[in-house]
Amino acid sequence: MIQTFLFDMGNVLVHFCHDRMCRQMGALCGRTGDEVRSLLFGSELQHRFECGHVNEDEFHREFERLVEREVEFASLLHAGSDIFTENEAILPVLASLKRQGHRLVLLSNTSVSHYEFVRRNFRVLEPFDDLVLSFEVGAMKPQPAIYEAALTMIECPPEHCFYTDDIPAYVEAGRRFGLQAEVFTDAATLRKQLAARGIEV
C-alpha cells in the first residue's frame, strides 16, 4: 500500500525554462543567452549552486567574475529565478492525495534562489510535509546521497512510496532504491499510473 509520494519539482509541479534564465541574466550584463549558458554550465557554477557548494553571495561574485561586469545582486537573483510557471493541472492531484492522508515529500535538484521563488510565488508547495533539496543535501539526482536522504524523509518502506520525475534516469535511480517510480509526462498520465495502484485522485 502506498503511504508516501515523492514529487520532483521542475517540469512536474512547475514548468521552467533555462533559455529564459540565461537571456534574462544576459540582459543585465550585455551578454547573449548562449554566452551566459556557456559560462554558467561550462564553469559548473550552476551545478555548484544547486549542490549548495556556493551560496547566493558567492554565486553573485563568481557570476560577476565570469561576465567581467558588476551586476546588481537582487536583479541577478530575480533574473535567474523568474523562469517558472505553475503546473495548475497537478494542484487537484496533490489536494486529493493530501485529503486521503498521504505524506507528500519534495525531491528536487534546485538552488536556494529557485526554491524560494517557487515557494513565494505559487501554491504548489503548500501541501508538502517535507523537502529533500539538492542545495541542502549537497548532492543532486541521480547521485545516491540525495535518494538516501529521501528514504529518511518518506517515513515508510521504499516499496510503499511512489516517486514521479520527468527525467527517466532519475526514475531508474529511484527504482534501484526500491521506490515505485514512474516517469512524469502530464497530470492525466499520473492519474492513470496511480489508478493502476488503486489510488483514485
C-alpha atoms as a PDB file:
ATOM      1  CA  MET A   1       0.000   0.000   0.000  1.00  0.00           C
ATOM      2  CA  ILE A   2       1.381   3.395  -0.964  1.00  0.00           C
ATOM      3  CA  GLN A   3       1.810   5.714   2.015  1.00  0.00           C
ATOM      4  CA  THR A   4       4.119   8.463   0.748  1.00  0.00           C
ATOM      5  CA  PHE A   5       4.562  10.307  -2.536  1.00  0.00           C
ATOM      6  CA  LEU A   6       7.845  11.765  -3.728  1.00  0.00           C
ATOM      7  CA  PHE A   7       7.477  14.512  -6.317  1.00  0.00           C
ATOM      8  CA  ASP A   8      10.119  16.190  -8.427  1.00  0.00           C
ATOM      9  CA  MET A   9       9.602  19.950  -8.779  1.00  0.00           C
ATOM     10  CA  GLY A  10      10.883  21.138 -12.174  1.00  0.00           C
ATOM     11  CA  ASN A  11       8.602  20.190 -15.073  1.00  0.00           C
ATOM     12  CA  VAL A  12       6.339  18.304 -12.673  1.00  0.00           C
ATOM     13  CA  LEU A  13       4.994  20.818 -10.157  1.00  0.00           C
ATOM     14  CA  VAL A  14       6.228  23.849 -12.077  1.00  0.00           C
ATOM     15  CA  HIS A  15       7.479  24.327 -15.609  1.00  0.00           C
ATOM     16  CA  PHE A  16      10.742  26.198 -16.134  1.00  0.00           C
ATOM     17  CA  CYS A  17      12.949  27.492 -18.936  1.00  0.00           C
ATOM     18  CA  HIS A  18      16.743  27.650 -18.732  1.00  0.00           C
ATOM     19  CA  ASP A  19      16.828  29.607 -22.000  1.00  0.00           C
ATOM     20  CA  ARG A  20      14.746  32.338 -20.381  1.00  0.00           C
ATOM     21  CA  MET A  21      17.029  32.307 -17.346  1.00  0.00           C
ATOM     22  CA  CYS A  22      20.121  32.780 -19.484  1.00  0.00           C
ATOM     23  CA  ARG A  23      18.539  35.504 -21.628  1.00  0.00           C
ATOM     24  CA  GLN A  24      17.387  37.458 -18.594  1.00  0.00           C
ATOM     25  CA  MET A  25      20.727  37.178 -16.843  1.00  0.00           C
ATOM     26  CA  GLY A  26      22.499  38.123 -20.062  1.00  0.00           C
ATOM     27  CA  ALA A  27      20.377  41.250 -20.412  1.00  0.00           C
ATOM     28  CA  LEU A  28      21.869  42.513 -17.144  1.00  0.00           C
ATOM     29  CA  CYS A  29      25.448  42.289 -18.347  1.00  0.00           C
ATOM     30  CA  GLY A  30      25.439  42.741 -22.111  1.00  0.00           C
ATOM     31  CA  ARG A  31      25.817  39.049 -22.901  1.00  0.00           C
ATOM     32  CA  THR A  32      23.698  36.797 -25.082  1.00  0.00           C
ATOM     33  CA  GLY A  33      21.711  33.968 -23.602  1.00  0.00           C
ATOM     34  CA  ASP A  34      24.016  31.469 -25.290  1.00  0.00           C
ATOM     35  CA  GLU A  35      27.060  33.163 -23.787  1.00  0.00           C
ATOM     36  CA  VAL A  36      25.553  33.076 -20.310  1.00  0.00           C
ATOM     37  CA  ARG A  37      24.545  29.418 -20.707  1.00  0.00           C
ATOM     38  CA  SER A  38      28.102  28.539 -21.699  1.00  0.00           C
ATOM     39  CA  LEU A  39      29.535  30.434 -18.737  1.00  0.00           C
ATOM     40  CA  LEU A  40      27.076  29.063 -16.165  1.00  0.00           C
ATOM     41  CA  PHE A  41      27.156  25.453 -17.224  1.00  0.00           C
ATOM     42  CA  GLY A  42      30.649  25.293 -18.689  1.00  0.00           C
ATOM     43  CA  SER A  43      32.134  26.552 -15.421  1.00  0.00           C
ATOM     44  CA  GLU A  44      29.747  24.297 -13.441  1.00  0.00           C
ATOM     45  CA  LEU A  45      28.705  27.380 -11.459  1.00  0.00           C
ATOM     46  CA  GLN A  46      25.025  26.482 -11.807  1.00  0.00           C
ATOM     47  CA  HIS A  47      25.740  22.896 -10.771  1.00  0.00           C
ATOM     48  CA  ARG A  48      27.660  24.020  -7.704  1.00  0.00           C
ATOM     49  CA  PHE A  49      24.845  26.445  -6.816  1.00  0.00           C
ATOM     50  CA  GLU A  50      22.268  23.672  -6.986  1.00  0.00           C
ATOM     51  CA  CYS A  51      24.512  21.411  -4.905  1.00  0.00           C
ATOM     52  CA  GLY A  52      24.813  24.108  -2.250  1.00  0.00           C
ATOM     53  CA  HIS A  53      28.571  24.356  -2.756  1.00  0.00           C
ATOM     54  CA  VAL A  54      28.223  28.108  -3.295  1.00  0.00           C
ATOM     55  CA  ASN A  55      25.670  30.373  -1.618  1.00  0.00           C
ATOM     56  CA  GLU A  56      23.835  33.291  -3.211  1.00  0.00           C
ATOM     57  CA  ASP A  57      26.570  35.800  -2.394  1.00  0.00           C
ATOM     58  CA  GLU A  58      29.268  33.529  -3.793  1.00  0.00           C
ATOM     59  CA  PHE A  59      27.180  32.848  -6.891  1.00  0.00           C
ATOM     60  CA  HIS A  60      26.814  36.595  -7.421  1.00  0.00           C
ATOM     61  CA  ARG A  61      30.542  37.267  -7.064  1.00  0.00           C
ATOM     62  CA  GLU A  62      31.521  34.408  -9.348  1.00  0.00           C
ATOM     63  CA  PHE A  63      28.965  35.421 -11.964  1.00  0.00           C
ATOM     64  CA  GLU A  64      30.403  38.947 -11.986  1.00  0.00           C
ATOM     65  CA  ARG A  65      33.871  37.488 -12.439  1.00  0.00           C
ATOM     66  CA  LEU A  66      32.715  35.310 -15.347  1.00  0.00           C
ATOM     67  CA  VAL A  67      30.977  38.149 -17.215  1.00  0.00           C
ATOM     68  CA  GLU A  68      33.617  40.714 -16.214  1.00  0.00           C
ATOM     69  CA  ARG A  69      30.991  43.227 -15.148  1.00  0.00           C
ATOM     70  CA  GLU A  70      29.249  44.325 -11.961  1.00  0.00           C
ATOM     71  CA  VAL A  71      25.641  43.161 -11.711  1.00  0.00           C
ATOM     72  CA  GLU A  72      23.148  44.241  -9.050  1.00  0.00           C
ATOM     73  CA  PHE A  73      22.625  41.360  -6.604  1.00  0.00           C
ATOM     74  CA  ALA A  74      18.810  41.350  -6.321  1.00  0.00           C
ATOM     75  CA  SER A  75      18.360  41.864 -10.055  1.00  0.00           C
ATOM     76  CA  LEU A  76      20.607  38.902 -10.810  1.00  0.00           C
ATOM     77  CA  LEU A  77      18.746  36.585  -8.454  1.00  0.00           C
ATOM     78  CA  HIS A  78      15.384  37.673  -9.865  1.00  0.00           C
ATOM     79  CA  ALA A  79      16.529  37.291 -13.478  1.00  0.00           C
ATOM     80  CA  GLY A  80      17.808  33.819 -12.701  1.00  0.00           C
ATOM     81  CA  SER A  81      14.687  32.727 -10.837  1.00  0.00           C
ATOM     82  CA  ASP A  82      11.727  34.309 -12.662  1.00  0.00           C
ATOM     83  CA  ILE A  83      11.586  31.350 -15.032  1.00  0.00           C
ATOM     84  CA  PHE A  84       8.745  29.268 -13.589  1.00  0.00           C
ATOM     85  CA  THR A  85       5.046  28.747 -14.279  1.00  0.00           C
ATOM     86  CA  GLU A  86       2.837  26.654 -12.053  1.00  0.00           C
ATOM     87  CA  ASN A  87       1.526  23.360 -13.411  1.00  0.00           C
ATOM     88  CA  GLU A  88      -2.086  24.031 -12.467  1.00  0.00           C
ATOM     89  CA  ALA A  89      -3.187  20.549 -13.531  1.00  0.00           C
ATOM     90  CA  ILE A  90      -1.177  18.984 -10.707  1.00  0.00           C
ATOM     91  CA  LEU A  91      -2.848  21.008  -7.939  1.00  0.00           C
ATOM     92  CA  PRO A  92      -6.027  18.891  -7.626  1.00  0.00           C
ATOM     93  CA  VAL A  93      -3.905  15.714  -7.637  1.00  0.00           C
ATOM     94  CA  LEU A  94      -1.878  16.981  -4.683  1.00  0.00           C
ATOM     95  CA  ALA A  95      -5.013  18.146  -2.872  1.00  0.00           C
ATOM     96  CA  SER A  96      -6.675  14.763  -3.301  1.00  0.00           C
ATOM     97  CA  LEU A  97      -3.627  12.843  -2.083  1.00  0.00           C
ATOM     98  CA  LYS A  98      -3.444  15.118   0.938  1.00  0.00           C
ATOM     99  CA  ARG A  99      -7.152  14.629   1.759  1.00  0.00           C
ATOM    100  CA  GLN A 100      -6.610  10.888   1.608  1.00  0.00           C
ATOM    101  CA  GLY A 101      -3.953  11.182   4.308  1.00  0.00           C
ATOM    102  CA  HIS A 102      -0.846  10.512   2.259  1.00  0.00           C
ATOM    103  CA  ARG A 103       2.526  12.016   3.092  1.00  0.00           C
ATOM    104  CA  LEU A 104       3.974  14.304   0.375  1.00  0.00           C
ATOM    105  CA  VAL A 105       7.719  14.887   0.057  1.00  0.00           C
ATOM    106  CA  LEU A 106       9.523  17.054  -2.490  1.00  0.00           C
ATOM    107  CA  LEU A 107      12.693  15.627  -4.087  1.00  0.00           C
ATOM    108  CA  SER A 108      14.319  18.295  -6.230  1.00  0.00           C
ATOM    109  CA  ASN A 109      17.561  19.355  -7.865  1.00  0.00           C
ATOM    110  CA  THR A 110      17.317  23.080  -7.217  1.00  0.00           C
ATOM    111  CA  SER A 111      19.113  26.142  -5.909  1.00  0.00           C
ATOM    112  CA  VAL A 112      18.065  28.142  -2.871  1.00  0.00           C
ATOM    113  CA  SER A 113      17.019  31.018  -5.148  1.00  0.00           C
ATOM    114  CA  HIS A 114      14.824  28.837  -7.356  1.00  0.00           C
ATOM    115  CA  TYR A 115      13.213  27.087  -4.394  1.00  0.00           C
ATOM    116  CA  GLU A 116      12.461  30.357  -2.616  1.00  0.00           C
ATOM    117  CA  PHE A 117      10.997  31.885  -5.791  1.00  0.00           C
ATOM    118  CA  VAL A 118       8.610  28.957  -6.244  1.00  0.00           C
ATOM    119  CA  ARG A 119       7.675  28.935  -2.555  1.00  0.00           C
ATOM    120  CA  ARG A 120       6.889  32.667  -2.545  1.00  0.00           C
ATOM    121  CA  ASN A 121       5.009  32.861  -5.826  1.00  0.00           C
ATOM    122  CA  PHE A 122       2.993  29.653  -6.165  1.00  0.00           C
ATOM    123  CA  ARG A 123       0.676  27.444  -4.125  1.00  0.00           C
ATOM    124  CA  VAL A 124       2.038  24.147  -5.340  1.00  0.00           C
ATOM    125  CA  LEU A 125       4.429  23.514  -2.425  1.00  0.00           C
ATOM    126  CA  GLU A 126       1.862  24.198   0.294  1.00  0.00           C
ATOM    127  CA  PRO A 127       0.630  20.576   0.664  1.00  0.00           C
ATOM    128  CA  PHE A 128       4.116  19.129   1.167  1.00  0.00           C
ATOM    129  CA  ASP A 129       5.113  17.640   4.512  1.00  0.00           C
ATOM    130  CA  ASP A 130       8.860  17.629   3.929  1.00  0.00           C
ATOM    131  CA  LEU A 131      11.561  18.622   1.470  1.00  0.00           C
ATOM    132  CA  VAL A 132      14.674  16.951   0.079  1.00  0.00           C
ATOM    133  CA  LEU A 133      16.537  19.688  -1.792  1.00  0.00           C
ATOM    134  CA  SER A 134      19.850  19.255  -3.562  1.00  0.00           C
ATOM    135  CA  PHE A 135      21.315  22.501  -2.239  1.00  0.00           C
ATOM    136  CA  GLU A 136      20.653  21.317   1.330  1.00  0.00           C
ATOM    137  CA  VAL A 137      21.758  17.702   0.813  1.00  0.00           C
ATOM    138  CA  GLY A 138      24.909  18.647  -1.115  1.00  0.00           C
ATOM    139  CA  ALA A 139      24.146  16.160  -3.888  1.00  0.00           C
ATOM    140  CA  MET A 140      21.963  16.040  -6.992  1.00  0.00           C
ATOM    141  CA  LYS A 141      19.909  13.311  -8.627  1.00  0.00           C
ATOM    142  CA  PRO A 142      20.932  10.737  -9.714  1.00  0.00           C
ATOM    143  CA  GLN A 143      23.655  10.679  -7.028  1.00  0.00           C
ATOM    144  CA  PRO A 144      22.901   8.110  -4.302  1.00  0.00           C
ATOM    145  CA  ALA A 145      23.179  10.593  -1.439  1.00  0.00           C
ATOM    146  CA  ILE A 146      20.036  12.502  -2.384  1.00  0.00           C
ATOM    147  CA  TYR A 147      17.975   9.307  -2.643  1.00  0.00           C
ATOM    148  CA  GLU A 148      19.358   8.146   0.690  1.00  0.00           C
ATOM    149  CA  ALA A 149      18.223  11.455   2.172  1.00  0.00           C
ATOM    150  CA  ALA A 150      14.783  10.927   0.642  1.00  0.00           C
ATOM    151  CA  LEU A 151      14.488   7.476   2.213  1.00  0.00           C
ATOM    152  CA  THR A 152      14.879   9.041   5.648  1.00  0.00           C
ATOM    153  CA  MET A 153      12.069  11.514   4.904  1.00  0.00           C
ATOM    154  CA  ILE A 154       9.396   9.239   3.470  1.00  0.00           C
ATOM    155  CA  GLU A 155       8.713   7.550   6.835  1.00  0.00           C
ATOM    156  CA  CYS A 156       7.760   4.245   5.234  1.00  0.00           C
ATOM    157  CA  PRO A 157       9.473   1.325   3.500  1.00  0.00           C
ATOM    158  CA  PRO A 158      10.606   2.352  -0.006  1.00  0.00           C
ATOM    159  CA  GLU A 159       8.227  -0.115  -1.637  1.00  0.00           C
ATOM    160  CA  HIS A 160       5.347   1.834  -0.050  1.00  0.00           C
ATOM    161  CA  CYS A 161       6.484   5.096  -1.670  1.00  0.00           C
ATOM    162  CA  PHE A 162       5.582   6.322  -5.172  1.00  0.00           C
ATOM    163  CA  TYR A 163       8.042   8.637  -6.912  1.00  0.00           C
ATOM    164  CA  THR A 164       7.474  10.628 -10.087  1.00  0.00           C
ATOM    165  CA  ASP A 165      10.038  12.643 -12.053  1.00  0.00           C
ATOM    166  CA  ASP A 166      10.223  13.884 -15.639  1.00  0.00           C
ATOM    167  CA  ILE A 167      13.753  12.545 -16.195  1.00  0.00           C
ATOM    168  CA  PRO A 168      13.897   8.777 -16.880  1.00  0.00           C
ATOM    169  CA  ALA A 169      17.425   8.362 -15.474  1.00  0.00           C
ATOM    170  CA  TYR A 170      16.282   9.776 -12.138  1.00  0.00           C
ATOM    171  CA  VAL A 171      13.279   7.446 -12.107  1.00  0.00           C
ATOM    172  CA  GLU A 172      15.555   4.479 -12.762  1.00  0.00           C
ATOM    173  CA  ALA A 173      17.798   5.548  -9.890  1.00  0.00           C
ATOM    174  CA  GLY A 174      14.746   5.722  -7.628  1.00  0.00           C
ATOM    175  CA  ARG A 175      13.759   2.199  -8.609  1.00  0.00           C
ATOM    176  CA  ARG A 176      17.229   0.967  -7.644  1.00  0.00           C
ATOM    177  CA  PHE A 177      16.461   2.240  -4.144  1.00  0.00           C
ATOM    178  CA  GLY A 178      13.252   0.218  -4.059  1.00  0.00           C
ATOM    179  CA  LEU A 179      10.794   3.026  -4.809  1.00  0.00           C
ATOM    180  CA  GLN A 180       7.744   2.570  -7.000  1.00  0.00           C
ATOM    181  CA  ALA A 181       8.673   5.114  -9.660  1.00  0.00           C
ATOM    182  CA  GLU A 182       7.231   6.356 -12.942  1.00  0.00           C
ATOM    183  CA  VAL A 183       8.246   8.993 -15.477  1.00  0.00           C
ATOM    184  CA  PHE A 184       6.048  12.105 -15.292  1.00  0.00           C
ATOM    185  CA  THR A 185       4.627  13.385 -18.562  1.00  0.00           C
ATOM    186  CA  ASP A 186       1.384  15.081 -17.508  1.00  0.00           C
ATOM    187  CA  ALA A 187      -1.237  15.020 -14.772  1.00  0.00           C
ATOM    188  CA  ALA A 188      -3.621  12.816 -16.749  1.00  0.00           C
ATOM    189  CA  THR A 189      -0.984  10.109 -17.161  1.00  0.00           C
ATOM    190  CA  LEU A 190      -0.079  10.383 -13.491  1.00  0.00           C
ATOM    191  CA  ARG A 191      -3.722   9.791 -12.563  1.00  0.00           C
ATOM    192  CA  LYS A 192      -3.680   6.603 -14.642  1.00  0.00           C
ATOM    193  CA  GLN A 193      -0.414   5.459 -13.007  1.00  0.00           C
ATOM    194  CA  LEU A 194      -1.971   5.967  -9.586  1.00  0.00           C
ATOM    195  CA  ALA A 195      -5.270   4.325 -10.555  1.00  0.00           C
ATOM    196  CA  ALA A 196      -3.310   1.233 -11.591  1.00  0.00           C
ATOM    197  CA  ARG A 197      -2.095   1.133  -7.980  1.00  0.00           C
ATOM    198  CA  GLY A 198      -5.590   1.519  -6.545  1.00  0.00           C
ATOM    199  CA  ILE A 199      -5.397   5.268  -5.833  1.00  0.00           C
ATOM    200  CA  GLU A 200      -8.069   7.482  -7.377  1.00  0.00           C
ATOM    201  CA  VAL A 201      -7.390  11.228  -7.446  1.00  0.00           C
END
